[in-house]
């Protein structure tokens, strides 16, 4: 994860992974990002930034019980394709996601 995320985004991802592990869950499948649009830039600051709006598709990403691979039941009304606002910063090692904010809207 450290290759792609840093700061708040990395901390949130690591915490979510820790919670899943503590409940004996893993995620299988894939996540897709599409329809990305640049919504803002700050390229002249000390740490250049780009803000994006994208569609995050988690419909093929399934939580399962780690040892049995039995699917975890999920709410029927959960959003599986939703808008997400992302902030990326240019670090010495390259661009990193520093913030992901689900918008609670379908895409």
N, C-alpha and C. Protein backbone atom coordinates (compact mmCIF):
# COMPACT_ATOMS: atom_id res chain seq x y z
N UNK A 1 0.81 -1.19 0.00
CA UNK A 1 0.00 0.00 0.00
C UNK A 1 0.86 1.26 0.00
N UNK A 2 2.03 1.18 0.60
CA UNK A 2 2.87 2.37 0.70
C UNK A 2 3.37 2.86 -0.65
N UNK A 3 3.26 2.02 -1.68
CA UNK A 3 3.62 2.43 -3.03
C UNK A 3 2.59 3.39 -3.62
N UNK A 4 1.35 3.34 -3.12
CA UNK A 4 0.26 4.09 -3.72
C UNK A 4 -0.38 5.10 -2.77
N UNK A 5 -0.29 4.88 -1.48
CA UNK A 5 -0.98 5.73 -0.52
C UNK A 5 -0.01 6.24 0.54
N UNK A 6 -0.39 7.36 1.14
CA UNK A 6 0.40 7.96 2.22
C UNK A 6 -0.55 8.75 3.10
N UNK A 7 -0.02 9.19 4.21
CA UNK A 7 -0.75 10.09 5.09
C UNK A 7 -2.08 9.50 5.53
N UNK A 8 -3.15 10.29 5.47
CA UNK A 8 -4.47 9.86 5.93
C UNK A 8 -4.98 8.63 5.18
N UNK A 9 -4.81 8.60 3.87
CA UNK A 9 -5.31 7.47 3.07
C UNK A 9 -4.64 6.16 3.49
N UNK A 10 -3.35 6.19 3.73
CA UNK A 10 -2.63 4.99 4.16
C UNK A 10 -3.10 4.55 5.55
N UNK A 11 -3.24 5.51 6.44
CA UNK A 11 -3.69 5.20 7.80
C UNK A 11 -5.09 4.57 7.80
N UNK A 12 -6.00 5.13 7.01
CA UNK A 12 -7.36 4.59 6.93
C UNK A 12 -7.34 3.18 6.35
N UNK A 13 -6.57 2.96 5.29
CA UNK A 13 -6.49 1.63 4.66
C UNK A 13 -5.90 0.60 5.62
N UNK A 14 -4.85 0.97 6.33
CA UNK A 14 -4.24 0.05 7.28
C UNK A 14 -5.19 -0.27 8.44
N UNK A 15 -5.92 0.72 8.91
CA UNK A 15 -6.89 0.49 9.99
C UNK A 15 -8.01 -0.44 9.52
N UNK A 16 -8.51 -0.23 8.31
CA UNK A 16 -9.57 -1.09 7.78
C UNK A 16 -9.08 -2.52 7.61
N UNK A 17 -7.86 -2.69 7.14
CA UNK A 17 -7.28 -4.03 7.00
C UNK A 17 -7.13 -4.69 8.36
N UNK A 18 -6.71 -3.94 9.37
CA UNK A 18 -6.57 -4.47 10.72
C UNK A 18 -7.91 -4.91 11.31
N UNK A 19 -8.96 -4.10 11.07
CA UNK A 19 -10.29 -4.47 11.57
C UNK A 19 -10.78 -5.74 10.88
N UNK A 20 -10.58 -5.85 9.57
CA UNK A 20 -11.00 -7.05 8.84
C UNK A 20 -10.25 -8.27 9.36
N UNK A 21 -8.95 -8.15 9.56
CA UNK A 21 -8.13 -9.25 10.06
C UNK A 21 -8.61 -9.69 11.45
N UNK A 22 -8.93 -8.73 12.30
CA UNK A 22 -9.39 -9.04 13.66
C UNK A 22 -10.72 -9.80 13.64
N UNK A 23 -11.50 -9.61 12.59
CA UNK A 23 -12.79 -10.31 12.46
C UNK A 23 -12.68 -11.55 11.57
N UNK A 24 -11.43 -11.95 11.25
CA UNK A 24 -11.18 -13.14 10.42
C UNK A 24 -11.77 -13.01 9.02
N UNK A 25 -11.64 -11.81 8.45
CA UNK A 25 -12.16 -11.56 7.11
C UNK A 25 -11.05 -11.11 6.18
N UNK A 26 -11.21 -11.49 4.93
CA UNK A 26 -10.35 -10.99 3.87
C UNK A 26 -11.25 -10.56 2.72
N UNK A 27 -10.68 -9.83 1.77
CA UNK A 27 -11.44 -9.40 0.60
C UNK A 27 -10.85 -10.07 -0.62
N UNK A 28 -11.74 -10.59 -1.47
CA UNK A 28 -11.30 -11.20 -2.72
C UNK A 28 -11.98 -10.46 -3.87
N UNK A 29 -11.41 -10.60 -5.05
CA UNK A 29 -11.98 -9.93 -6.20
C UNK A 29 -11.20 -8.69 -6.55
N UNK A 30 -11.87 -7.76 -7.20
CA UNK A 30 -11.17 -6.56 -7.65
C UNK A 30 -12.02 -5.32 -7.45
N UNK A 31 -11.34 -4.20 -7.43
CA UNK A 31 -11.94 -2.88 -7.35
C UNK A 31 -11.56 -2.16 -8.65
N UNK A 32 -12.51 -1.45 -9.23
CA UNK A 32 -12.24 -0.72 -10.46
C UNK A 32 -12.51 0.77 -10.24
N UNK A 33 -11.66 1.59 -10.84
CA UNK A 33 -11.83 3.04 -10.81
C UNK A 33 -12.02 3.50 -12.24
N UNK A 34 -13.06 4.31 -12.47
CA UNK A 34 -13.32 4.80 -13.83
C UNK A 34 -13.85 6.23 -13.76
N UNK A 35 -14.02 6.82 -14.89
CA UNK A 35 -14.60 8.16 -15.04
C UNK A 35 -13.87 9.21 -14.21
N UNK A 36 -12.56 9.09 -14.11
CA UNK A 36 -11.79 10.06 -13.32
C UNK A 36 -11.73 11.40 -14.03
N UNK A 37 -11.99 12.46 -13.27
CA UNK A 37 -11.96 13.82 -13.79
C UNK A 37 -11.15 14.66 -12.80
N UNK A 38 -10.24 15.45 -13.32
CA UNK A 38 -9.48 16.37 -12.47
C UNK A 38 -10.41 17.50 -12.04
N UNK A 39 -10.55 17.69 -10.73
CA UNK A 39 -11.43 18.73 -10.21
C UNK A 39 -10.66 19.92 -9.65
N UNK A 40 -9.34 19.77 -9.52
CA UNK A 40 -8.53 20.86 -9.02
C UNK A 40 -7.06 20.49 -9.03
N UNK A 41 -6.23 21.52 -9.05
CA UNK A 41 -4.78 21.32 -9.00
C UNK A 41 -4.15 22.41 -8.14
N UNK A 42 -3.04 22.10 -7.57
CA UNK A 42 -2.19 23.07 -6.87
C UNK A 42 -0.76 22.60 -7.12
N UNK A 43 -0.30 22.84 -8.34
CA UNK A 43 1.00 22.32 -8.76
C UNK A 43 2.16 23.21 -8.36
N UNK A 44 1.87 24.43 -7.92
CA UNK A 44 2.94 25.36 -7.57
C UNK A 44 3.27 25.38 -6.08
N UNK A 45 2.55 24.60 -5.27
CA UNK A 45 2.83 24.58 -3.84
C UNK A 45 4.07 23.74 -3.56
N UNK A 46 4.53 23.78 -2.33
CA UNK A 46 5.71 23.01 -1.93
C UNK A 46 5.50 21.53 -2.23
N UNK A 47 4.30 21.02 -1.96
CA UNK A 47 3.94 19.65 -2.31
C UNK A 47 2.80 19.73 -3.32
N UNK A 48 3.11 19.55 -4.61
CA UNK A 48 2.06 19.65 -5.63
C UNK A 48 0.91 18.68 -5.36
N UNK A 49 -0.33 19.13 -5.68
CA UNK A 49 -1.52 18.34 -5.44
C UNK A 49 -2.41 18.31 -6.67
N UNK A 50 -3.14 17.21 -6.79
CA UNK A 50 -4.18 17.08 -7.80
C UNK A 50 -5.39 16.46 -7.12
N UNK A 51 -6.56 17.02 -7.41
CA UNK A 51 -7.80 16.47 -6.86
C UNK A 51 -8.61 15.85 -8.00
N UNK A 52 -9.17 14.67 -7.73
CA UNK A 52 -9.94 13.93 -8.73
C UNK A 52 -11.32 13.59 -8.20
N UNK A 53 -12.25 13.43 -9.12
CA UNK A 53 -13.54 12.82 -8.83
C UNK A 53 -13.60 11.58 -9.70
N UNK A 54 -13.93 10.43 -9.11
CA UNK A 54 -13.93 9.16 -9.85
C UNK A 54 -15.12 8.33 -9.43
N UNK A 55 -15.38 7.30 -10.23
CA UNK A 55 -16.37 6.29 -9.88
C UNK A 55 -15.62 5.08 -9.36
N UNK A 56 -15.92 4.69 -8.13
CA UNK A 56 -15.30 3.52 -7.51
C UNK A 56 -16.30 2.37 -7.57
N UNK A 57 -15.90 1.27 -8.20
CA UNK A 57 -16.77 0.10 -8.37
C UNK A 57 -16.24 -1.04 -7.50
N UNK A 58 -16.96 -1.35 -6.42
CA UNK A 58 -16.56 -2.43 -5.52
C UNK A 58 -17.50 -3.64 -5.66
N UNK A 59 -18.25 -3.69 -6.77
CA UNK A 59 -19.23 -4.77 -6.96
C UNK A 59 -18.57 -6.14 -7.09
N UNK A 60 -17.30 -6.19 -7.49
CA UNK A 60 -16.58 -7.46 -7.64
C UNK A 60 -15.61 -7.71 -6.49
N UNK A 61 -15.74 -6.96 -5.41
CA UNK A 61 -14.86 -7.06 -4.25
C UNK A 61 -15.69 -7.60 -3.10
N UNK A 62 -15.42 -8.81 -2.67
CA UNK A 62 -16.27 -9.52 -1.73
C UNK A 62 -15.54 -9.84 -0.43
N UNK A 63 -16.11 -9.44 0.71
CA UNK A 63 -15.53 -9.89 1.98
C UNK A 63 -15.92 -11.35 2.23
N UNK A 64 -14.95 -12.15 2.65
CA UNK A 64 -15.20 -13.56 2.95
C UNK A 64 -14.54 -13.91 4.29
N UNK A 65 -15.03 -15.00 4.91
CA UNK A 65 -14.39 -15.52 6.12
C UNK A 65 -13.05 -16.10 5.68
N UNK A 66 -11.98 -15.70 6.34
CA UNK A 66 -10.63 -16.04 5.89
C UNK A 66 -10.39 -17.54 5.76
N UNK A 67 -10.79 -18.34 6.76
CA UNK A 67 -10.44 -19.75 6.73
C UNK A 67 -11.40 -20.61 5.91
N UNK A 68 -12.63 -20.15 5.68
CA UNK A 68 -13.60 -20.96 4.93
C UNK A 68 -13.90 -20.39 3.55
N UNK A 69 -13.55 -19.14 3.32
CA UNK A 69 -13.86 -18.42 2.08
C UNK A 69 -15.37 -18.27 1.86
N UNK A 70 -16.14 -18.43 2.93
CA UNK A 70 -17.59 -18.25 2.85
C UNK A 70 -17.88 -16.74 2.79
N UNK A 71 -18.72 -16.30 1.82
CA UNK A 71 -19.01 -14.87 1.70
C UNK A 71 -19.69 -14.31 2.95
N UNK A 72 -19.33 -13.08 3.26
CA UNK A 72 -19.95 -12.35 4.36
C UNK A 72 -21.21 -11.70 3.80
N UNK A 73 -22.31 -11.82 4.50
CA UNK A 73 -23.56 -11.21 4.04
C UNK A 73 -23.45 -9.69 4.15
N UNK A 74 -23.87 -9.01 3.08
CA UNK A 74 -23.80 -7.56 3.03
C UNK A 74 -25.20 -6.98 2.87
N UNK A 75 -25.41 -5.75 3.28
CA UNK A 75 -26.73 -5.13 3.13
C UNK A 75 -27.13 -5.05 1.65
N UNK A 76 -28.37 -5.33 1.36
CA UNK A 76 -28.87 -5.32 -0.02
C UNK A 76 -28.81 -3.92 -0.63
N UNK A 77 -28.91 -2.89 0.20
CA UNK A 77 -28.96 -1.52 -0.32
C UNK A 77 -27.60 -0.83 -0.35
N UNK A 78 -26.52 -1.56 -0.16
CA UNK A 78 -25.21 -0.92 -0.13
C UNK A 78 -24.80 -0.44 -1.53
N UNK A 79 -24.17 0.70 -1.58
CA UNK A 79 -23.68 1.23 -2.85
C UNK A 79 -22.47 0.43 -3.29
N UNK A 80 -22.48 -0.06 -4.52
CA UNK A 80 -21.33 -0.79 -5.04
C UNK A 80 -20.59 0.01 -6.11
N UNK A 81 -21.20 1.07 -6.60
CA UNK A 81 -20.55 1.99 -7.54
C UNK A 81 -20.89 3.40 -7.06
N UNK A 82 -19.86 4.10 -6.57
CA UNK A 82 -20.13 5.42 -5.99
C UNK A 82 -19.01 6.40 -6.31
N UNK A 83 -19.36 7.69 -6.22
CA UNK A 83 -18.38 8.74 -6.45
C UNK A 83 -17.43 8.84 -5.27
N UNK A 84 -16.17 9.10 -5.60
CA UNK A 84 -15.15 9.28 -4.57
C UNK A 84 -14.27 10.46 -4.96
N UNK A 85 -13.99 11.31 -3.99
CA UNK A 85 -13.10 12.45 -4.20
C UNK A 85 -11.72 12.06 -3.65
N UNK A 86 -10.72 12.21 -4.49
CA UNK A 86 -9.37 11.77 -4.14
C UNK A 86 -8.40 12.93 -4.25
N UNK A 87 -7.49 13.02 -3.28
CA UNK A 87 -6.41 14.00 -3.34
C UNK A 87 -5.10 13.23 -3.44
N UNK A 88 -4.31 13.61 -4.44
CA UNK A 88 -2.98 13.02 -4.63
C UNK A 88 -1.93 14.11 -4.42
N UNK A 89 -0.80 13.71 -3.84
CA UNK A 89 0.33 14.62 -3.67
C UNK A 89 1.56 14.01 -4.32
N UNK A 90 2.40 14.89 -4.85
CA UNK A 90 3.65 14.43 -5.45
C UNK A 90 4.73 14.41 -4.38
N UNK A 91 5.10 13.21 -3.96
CA UNK A 91 6.14 12.99 -2.97
C UNK A 91 7.44 12.67 -3.70
N UNK A 92 8.58 12.68 -3.01
CA UNK A 92 9.85 12.36 -3.67
C UNK A 92 9.82 10.98 -4.37
N UNK A 93 9.05 10.05 -3.84
CA UNK A 93 8.97 8.70 -4.42
C UNK A 93 7.94 8.61 -5.55
N UNK A 94 7.18 9.67 -5.78
CA UNK A 94 6.14 9.68 -6.82
C UNK A 94 4.80 10.12 -6.26
N UNK A 95 3.78 10.08 -7.08
CA UNK A 95 2.44 10.50 -6.68
C UNK A 95 1.84 9.49 -5.71
N UNK A 96 1.22 10.00 -4.63
CA UNK A 96 0.59 9.17 -3.62
C UNK A 96 -0.82 9.69 -3.32
N UNK A 97 -1.76 8.76 -3.13
CA UNK A 97 -3.09 9.12 -2.66
C UNK A 97 -2.96 9.48 -1.19
N UNK A 98 -3.42 10.67 -0.82
CA UNK A 98 -3.34 11.08 0.58
C UNK A 98 -4.73 11.19 1.22
N UNK A 99 -5.76 11.26 0.40
CA UNK A 99 -7.12 11.33 0.94
C UNK A 99 -8.10 10.78 -0.08
N UNK A 100 -9.01 9.92 0.40
CA UNK A 100 -10.13 9.40 -0.38
C UNK A 100 -11.39 9.68 0.40
N UNK A 101 -12.34 10.34 -0.21
CA UNK A 101 -13.57 10.68 0.49
C UNK A 101 -14.78 10.19 -0.32
N UNK A 102 -15.39 9.08 0.09
CA UNK A 102 -16.62 8.64 -0.57
C UNK A 102 -17.68 9.74 -0.48
N UNK A 103 -18.40 9.95 -1.59
CA UNK A 103 -19.37 11.03 -1.65
C UNK A 103 -20.80 10.57 -1.36
N UNK A 104 -21.02 9.25 -1.19
CA UNK A 104 -22.35 8.75 -0.87
C UNK A 104 -23.35 8.87 -2.01
N UNK A 105 -22.85 9.01 -3.25
CA UNK A 105 -23.71 9.13 -4.42
C UNK A 105 -23.36 8.06 -5.44
N UNK A 106 -24.38 7.53 -6.10
CA UNK A 106 -24.15 6.55 -7.16
C UNK A 106 -23.45 7.19 -8.34
N UNK A 107 -22.74 6.35 -9.09
CA UNK A 107 -22.16 6.82 -10.36
C UNK A 107 -22.44 5.81 -11.44
